[in-house]
Amino acid sequence: MRPKFRTEGWTPASEEDHFMICPTCGERIDCRDLGEVLEHLHGEPVEGEPVRH
C-alpha cells in the first residue's frame, strides 16, 4: 500500500487530504496516525525509506 508521493513541504488543502481509503479492506485511514496506518498493512512488509550516506 503506497499512497501517492507527497514532497517535503506539502500542505493539505483541507482536512480530507489527511485520509485515504485502504485498498485491502476499504476502510478510511487517518494517515497522521501511524498506528492506524500500520494496522492497515494487513500482513504486508513495511517498505523502508531510502537512506542517503
N, C-alpha and C. Protein backbone atom coordinates (compact mmCIF):
# COMPACT_ATOMS: atom_id res chain seq x y z
N MET A 1 0.85 -1.17 0.00
CA MET A 1 0.00 0.00 0.00
C MET A 1 0.89 1.23 0.00
N ARG A 2 0.88 1.97 -1.05
CA ARG A 2 1.69 3.17 -1.12
C ARG A 2 0.87 4.30 -1.72
N PRO A 3 0.49 5.29 -0.87
CA PRO A 3 -0.27 6.41 -1.40
C PRO A 3 0.59 7.26 -2.31
N LYS A 4 -0.03 8.15 -3.06
CA LYS A 4 0.77 8.99 -3.94
C LYS A 4 1.81 9.76 -3.13
N PHE A 5 2.95 9.93 -3.69
CA PHE A 5 4.09 10.54 -3.02
C PHE A 5 3.84 12.03 -2.77
N ARG A 6 4.12 12.46 -1.55
CA ARG A 6 3.99 13.88 -1.21
C ARG A 6 5.39 14.40 -0.88
N THR A 7 5.74 15.51 -1.47
CA THR A 7 7.07 16.06 -1.27
C THR A 7 7.16 16.81 0.05
N GLU A 8 8.37 17.01 0.53
CA GLU A 8 8.61 17.77 1.75
C GLU A 8 8.05 19.18 1.57
N GLY A 9 7.42 19.67 2.59
CA GLY A 9 6.81 21.00 2.50
C GLY A 9 5.38 20.97 2.01
N TRP A 10 4.85 19.76 1.72
CA TRP A 10 3.47 19.61 1.28
C TRP A 10 2.52 20.09 2.36
N THR A 11 1.51 20.84 1.99
CA THR A 11 0.50 21.26 2.95
C THR A 11 -0.86 20.83 2.43
N PRO A 12 -1.71 20.33 3.32
CA PRO A 12 -3.03 19.87 2.88
C PRO A 12 -3.93 21.04 2.49
N ALA A 13 -4.72 20.83 1.46
CA ALA A 13 -5.69 21.86 1.04
C ALA A 13 -6.89 21.85 1.98
N SER A 14 -7.17 20.67 2.57
CA SER A 14 -8.29 20.54 3.51
C SER A 14 -8.01 19.38 4.45
N GLU A 15 -8.83 19.23 5.47
CA GLU A 15 -8.71 18.13 6.43
C GLU A 15 -8.79 16.78 5.71
N GLU A 16 -9.57 16.71 4.67
CA GLU A 16 -9.78 15.47 3.91
C GLU A 16 -8.48 14.94 3.31
N ASP A 17 -7.51 15.80 3.05
CA ASP A 17 -6.24 15.38 2.46
C ASP A 17 -5.43 14.46 3.37
N HIS A 18 -5.78 14.38 4.66
CA HIS A 18 -5.07 13.52 5.60
C HIS A 18 -5.60 12.09 5.59
N PHE A 19 -6.62 11.81 4.80
CA PHE A 19 -7.26 10.50 4.80
C PHE A 19 -7.09 9.81 3.46
N MET A 20 -7.08 8.46 3.53
CA MET A 20 -7.09 7.65 2.31
C MET A 20 -7.95 6.42 2.58
N ILE A 21 -8.32 5.73 1.54
CA ILE A 21 -9.10 4.50 1.65
C ILE A 21 -8.14 3.33 1.53
N CYS A 22 -8.20 2.40 2.49
CA CYS A 22 -7.35 1.21 2.46
C CYS A 22 -7.72 0.38 1.23
N PRO A 23 -6.73 0.07 0.36
CA PRO A 23 -7.03 -0.71 -0.84
C PRO A 23 -7.40 -2.16 -0.54
N THR A 24 -7.10 -2.64 0.67
CA THR A 24 -7.39 -4.02 1.02
C THR A 24 -8.79 -4.18 1.61
N CYS A 25 -9.12 -3.36 2.63
CA CYS A 25 -10.40 -3.55 3.32
C CYS A 25 -11.42 -2.45 3.04
N GLY A 26 -11.00 -1.36 2.42
CA GLY A 26 -11.93 -0.30 2.07
C GLY A 26 -12.25 0.68 3.19
N GLU A 27 -11.62 0.51 4.38
CA GLU A 27 -11.85 1.45 5.47
C GLU A 27 -11.07 2.74 5.24
N ARG A 28 -11.56 3.81 5.83
CA ARG A 28 -10.90 5.10 5.74
C ARG A 28 -9.79 5.17 6.79
N ILE A 29 -8.60 5.65 6.40
CA ILE A 29 -7.43 5.70 7.27
C ILE A 29 -6.99 7.14 7.45
N ASP A 30 -6.74 7.53 8.72
CA ASP A 30 -6.15 8.84 9.00
C ASP A 30 -4.64 8.64 8.94
N CYS A 31 -4.00 9.17 7.92
CA CYS A 31 -2.58 8.93 7.69
C CYS A 31 -1.68 9.65 8.69
N ARG A 32 -2.24 10.49 9.54
CA ARG A 32 -1.45 11.15 10.59
C ARG A 32 -1.25 10.22 11.78
N ASP A 33 -1.99 9.12 11.83
CA ASP A 33 -1.92 8.17 12.94
C ASP A 33 -1.15 6.93 12.49
N LEU A 34 0.13 6.84 12.90
CA LEU A 34 0.98 5.74 12.44
C LEU A 34 0.40 4.39 12.83
N GLY A 35 -0.16 4.27 14.03
CA GLY A 35 -0.76 3.02 14.47
C GLY A 35 -1.87 2.57 13.55
N GLU A 36 -2.69 3.52 13.13
CA GLU A 36 -3.80 3.21 12.22
C GLU A 36 -3.27 2.78 10.85
N VAL A 37 -2.24 3.46 10.39
CA VAL A 37 -1.64 3.11 9.09
C VAL A 37 -1.04 1.71 9.14
N LEU A 38 -0.29 1.40 10.22
CA LEU A 38 0.33 0.08 10.34
C LEU A 38 -0.71 -1.03 10.45
N GLU A 39 -1.84 -0.73 11.09
CA GLU A 39 -2.93 -1.71 11.18
C GLU A 39 -3.42 -2.13 9.80
N HIS A 40 -3.37 -1.21 8.86
CA HIS A 40 -3.91 -1.46 7.53
C HIS A 40 -2.89 -2.01 6.54
N LEU A 41 -1.73 -2.46 7.04
CA LEU A 41 -0.79 -3.13 6.16
C LEU A 41 -1.25 -4.55 5.86
N HIS A 42 -2.11 -5.10 6.72
CA HIS A 42 -2.70 -6.43 6.53
C HIS A 42 -1.65 -7.49 6.21
N GLY A 43 -0.55 -7.48 7.00
CA GLY A 43 0.47 -8.51 6.84
C GLY A 43 1.55 -8.22 5.81
N GLU A 44 1.42 -7.14 5.05
CA GLU A 44 2.44 -6.79 4.07
C GLU A 44 3.67 -6.24 4.80
N PRO A 45 4.87 -6.46 4.28
CA PRO A 45 6.06 -5.92 4.94
C PRO A 45 6.09 -4.40 4.83
N VAL A 46 6.72 -3.77 5.80
CA VAL A 46 6.87 -2.31 5.80
C VAL A 46 7.98 -1.95 4.83
N GLU A 47 7.69 -1.02 3.92
CA GLU A 47 8.71 -0.57 2.97
C GLU A 47 9.64 0.40 3.67
N GLY A 48 10.94 0.24 3.49
CA GLY A 48 11.90 1.14 4.10
C GLY A 48 12.08 2.40 3.28
N GLU A 49 12.42 3.48 3.95
CA GLU A 49 12.73 4.72 3.27
C GLU A 49 14.14 4.63 2.72
N PRO A 50 14.38 5.21 1.56
CA PRO A 50 15.75 5.22 1.03
C PRO A 50 16.64 6.04 1.97
N VAL A 51 17.87 5.58 2.15
CA VAL A 51 18.80 6.27 3.04
C VAL A 51 19.98 6.78 2.24
N ARG A 52 20.33 8.02 2.45
CA ARG A 52 21.49 8.61 1.79
C ARG A 52 22.68 8.53 2.72
N HIS A 53 23.81 8.09 2.22
CA HIS A 53 25.02 8.02 3.04
C HIS A 53 26.02 9.03 2.57
